Amino acid sequence: MPREVVKEEVLTLPQVKKLLEQREKEGELSYLQRLTYDYSLKLSKLSPEKAEELLNRLKSEGISPILAAQIVNIMPKTVDELRTIFASESKPFLPSELEKILTVVNSYRE
């Protein structure tokens, strides 16, 4: 049965994992939800709480919510990896800005 979209929100993989764990307690997950949960379980690199903190910190640095979520999901280790994430942006980022962002990401690394 189709469901109505109530709201749309950008989430990180750890947040998706937490949400699906809560839904699993309420009842069995659908096939697609189970696949998504398994994917988030394998690829989450932070706890949901740390992921949300990092997401908010990156957004406060002026990074769009979608790119901030991608940074949290990937947790880049080098400036080159970070530069690849920002490749779609029309605004170029200076190497010093990328280093600053990478320092913030590294402070949340587990």
C-alpha atoms as a PDB file:
ATOM      1  CA  MET A   1       0.000   0.000   0.000  1.00  0.00           C
ATOM      2  CA  PRO A   2       1.511   3.381  -0.998  1.00  0.00           C
ATOM      3  CA  ARG A   3       2.362   5.785   1.738  1.00  0.00           C
ATOM      4  CA  GLU A   4       2.047   9.539   1.736  1.00  0.00           C
ATOM      5  CA  VAL A   5       5.264  11.553   1.972  1.00  0.00           C
ATOM      6  CA  VAL A   6       4.922  13.688   5.078  1.00  0.00           C
ATOM      7  CA  LYS A   7       8.316  15.387   4.940  1.00  0.00           C
ATOM      8  CA  GLU A   8      11.598  15.063   3.143  1.00  0.00           C
ATOM      9  CA  GLU A   9      14.863  15.326   5.041  1.00  0.00           C
ATOM     10  CA  VAL A  10      18.541  14.719   4.261  1.00  0.00           C
ATOM     11  CA  LEU A  11      19.886  11.929   6.489  1.00  0.00           C
ATOM     12  CA  THR A  12      23.288  10.356   6.950  1.00  0.00           C
ATOM     13  CA  LEU A  13      23.787   6.588   6.876  1.00  0.00           C
ATOM     14  CA  PRO A  14      24.109   6.347  10.687  1.00  0.00           C
ATOM     15  CA  GLN A  15      20.835   8.249  11.058  1.00  0.00           C
ATOM     16  CA  VAL A  16      19.142   5.921   8.545  1.00  0.00           C
ATOM     17  CA  LYS A  17      20.465   2.931  10.469  1.00  0.00           C
ATOM     18  CA  LYS A  18      19.044   4.284  13.734  1.00  0.00           C
ATOM     19  CA  LEU A  19      15.681   5.067  12.127  1.00  0.00           C
ATOM     20  CA  LEU A  20      15.370   1.591  10.633  1.00  0.00           C
ATOM     21  CA  GLU A  21      16.341  -0.008  13.963  1.00  0.00           C
ATOM     22  CA  GLN A  22      13.469   1.898  15.586  1.00  0.00           C
ATOM     23  CA  ARG A  23      11.080   0.813  12.821  1.00  0.00           C
ATOM     24  CA  GLU A  24      12.203  -2.801  13.230  1.00  0.00           C
ATOM     25  CA  LYS A  25      11.138  -2.706  16.882  1.00  0.00           C
ATOM     26  CA  GLU A  26       7.652  -1.622  15.763  1.00  0.00           C
ATOM     27  CA  GLY A  27       7.349  -4.437  13.232  1.00  0.00           C
ATOM     28  CA  GLU A  28       9.075  -6.333  10.481  1.00  0.00           C
ATOM     29  CA  LEU A  29      10.971  -4.314   7.858  1.00  0.00           C
ATOM     30  CA  SER A  30      10.021  -4.550   4.193  1.00  0.00           C
ATOM     31  CA  TYR A  31      12.479  -6.074   1.720  1.00  0.00           C
ATOM     32  CA  LEU A  32      13.706  -2.647   0.586  1.00  0.00           C
ATOM     33  CA  GLN A  33      14.024  -1.421   4.173  1.00  0.00           C
ATOM     34  CA  ARG A  34      16.028  -4.562   5.065  1.00  0.00           C
ATOM     35  CA  LEU A  35      18.405  -3.965   2.131  1.00  0.00           C
ATOM     36  CA  THR A  36      18.809  -0.336   3.158  1.00  0.00           C
ATOM     37  CA  TYR A  37      19.438  -1.338   6.771  1.00  0.00           C
ATOM     38  CA  ASP A  38      22.101  -3.876   5.745  1.00  0.00           C
ATOM     39  CA  TYR A  39      23.770  -1.254   3.536  1.00  0.00           C
ATOM     40  CA  SER A  40      23.786   1.338   6.331  1.00  0.00           C
ATOM     41  CA  LEU A  41      25.077  -1.251   8.809  1.00  0.00           C
ATOM     42  CA  LYS A  42      28.062  -2.069   6.598  1.00  0.00           C
ATOM     43  CA  LEU A  43      28.949   1.474   5.565  1.00  0.00           C
ATOM     44  CA  SER A  44      28.220   3.623   8.633  1.00  0.00           C
ATOM     45  CA  LYS A  45      31.459   5.017   9.992  1.00  0.00           C
ATOM     46  CA  LEU A  46      30.096   6.978  12.964  1.00  0.00           C
ATOM     47  CA  SER A  47      27.496   6.644  15.666  1.00  0.00           C
ATOM     48  CA  PRO A  48      24.196   8.400  14.875  1.00  0.00           C
ATOM     49  CA  GLU A  49      24.856  11.018  17.560  1.00  0.00           C
ATOM     50  CA  LYS A  50      28.342  11.880  16.268  1.00  0.00           C
ATOM     51  CA  ALA A  51      27.055  11.887  12.694  1.00  0.00           C
ATOM     52  CA  GLU A  52      24.366  14.404  13.590  1.00  0.00           C
ATOM     53  CA  GLU A  53      26.883  16.597  15.438  1.00  0.00           C
ATOM     54  CA  LEU A  54      29.270  16.548  12.478  1.00  0.00           C
ATOM     55  CA  LEU A  55      26.431  17.223  10.032  1.00  0.00           C
ATOM     56  CA  ASN A  56      25.337  20.277  12.021  1.00  0.00           C
ATOM     57  CA  ARG A  57      28.926  21.493  12.346  1.00  0.00           C
ATOM     58  CA  LEU A  58      29.511  21.208   8.592  1.00  0.00           C
ATOM     59  CA  LYS A  59      26.237  23.003   7.839  1.00  0.00           C
ATOM     60  CA  SER A  60      27.274  25.800  10.203  1.00  0.00           C
ATOM     61  CA  GLU A  61      30.478  26.122   8.141  1.00  0.00           C
ATOM     62  CA  GLY A  62      28.303  26.992   5.129  1.00  0.00           C
ATOM     63  CA  ILE A  63      28.228  23.581   3.445  1.00  0.00           C
ATOM     64  CA  SER A  64      24.923  22.555   1.883  1.00  0.00           C
ATOM     65  CA  PRO A  65      23.006  19.825   3.763  1.00  0.00           C
ATOM     66  CA  ILE A  66      23.359  17.343   0.886  1.00  0.00           C
ATOM     67  CA  LEU A  67      27.140  17.766   0.624  1.00  0.00           C
ATOM     68  CA  ALA A  68      27.494  17.730   4.407  1.00  0.00           C
ATOM     69  CA  ALA A  69      25.636  14.397   4.525  1.00  0.00           C
ATOM     70  CA  GLN A  70      27.919  12.986   1.820  1.00  0.00           C
ATOM     71  CA  ILE A  71      30.987  14.070   3.788  1.00  0.00           C
ATOM     72  CA  VAL A  72      29.634  12.353   6.905  1.00  0.00           C
ATOM     73  CA  ASN A  73      28.827   9.201   4.926  1.00  0.00           C
ATOM     74  CA  ILE A  74      32.222   8.997   3.222  1.00  0.00           C
ATOM     75  CA  MET A  75      34.420  10.469   5.990  1.00  0.00           C
ATOM     76  CA  PRO A  76      37.177  11.505   3.547  1.00  0.00           C
ATOM     77  CA  LYS A  77      40.772  11.153   4.741  1.00  0.00           C
ATOM     78  CA  THR A  78      42.524  13.393   2.230  1.00  0.00           C
ATOM     79  CA  VAL A  79      41.988  16.765   0.606  1.00  0.00           C
ATOM     80  CA  ASP A  80      41.741  15.036  -2.779  1.00  0.00           C
ATOM     81  CA  GLU A  81      38.835  12.869  -1.570  1.00  0.00           C
ATOM     82  CA  LEU A  82      37.149  15.966  -0.184  1.00  0.00           C
ATOM     83  CA  ARG A  83      37.746  17.859  -3.424  1.00  0.00           C
ATOM     84  CA  THR A  84      35.969  15.058  -5.317  1.00  0.00           C
ATOM     85  CA  ILE A  85      32.877  15.517  -3.125  1.00  0.00           C
ATOM     86  CA  PHE A  86      32.878  19.252  -3.874  1.00  0.00           C
ATOM     87  CA  ALA A  87      33.414  18.753  -7.636  1.00  0.00           C
ATOM     88  CA  SER A  88      29.726  19.349  -8.358  1.00  0.00           C
ATOM     89  CA  GLU A  89      29.726  22.709  -6.578  1.00  0.00           C
ATOM     90  CA  SER A  90      29.924  25.828  -8.722  1.00  0.00           C
ATOM     91  CA  LYS A  91      31.854  27.669  -5.997  1.00  0.00           C
ATOM     92  CA  PRO A  92      35.513  26.638  -5.871  1.00  0.00           C
ATOM     93  CA  PHE A  93      36.982  25.904  -2.450  1.00  0.00           C
ATOM     94  CA  LEU A  94      40.486  27.035  -1.538  1.00  0.00           C
ATOM     95  CA  PRO A  95      42.939  24.397  -0.290  1.00  0.00           C
ATOM     96  CA  SER A  96      42.957  26.127   3.109  1.00  0.00           C
ATOM     97  CA  GLU A  97      39.156  25.805   3.336  1.00  0.00           C
ATOM     98  CA  LEU A  98      39.364  22.112   2.417  1.00  0.00           C
ATOM     99  CA  GLU A  99      42.048  21.570   5.066  1.00  0.00           C
ATOM    100  CA  LYS A 100      39.827  23.243   7.666  1.00  0.00           C
ATOM    101  CA  ILE A 101      36.887  20.999   6.723  1.00  0.00           C
ATOM    102  CA  LEU A 102      39.137  17.931   6.824  1.00  0.00           C
ATOM    103  CA  THR A 103      40.328  18.919  10.306  1.00  0.00           C
ATOM    104  CA  VAL A 104      36.706  19.096  11.471  1.00  0.00           C
ATOM    105  CA  VAL A 105      35.967  15.670   9.933  1.00  0.00           C
ATOM    106  CA  ASN A 106      39.080  14.148  11.540  1.00  0.00           C
ATOM    107  CA  SER A 107      38.035  15.408  14.965  1.00  0.00           C
ATOM    108  CA  TYR A 108      34.903  13.208  14.706  1.00  0.00           C
ATOM    109  CA  ARG A 109      36.617  10.119  13.321  1.00  0.00           C
ATOM    110  CA  GLU A 110      36.139   6.980  15.464  1.00  0.00           C
END
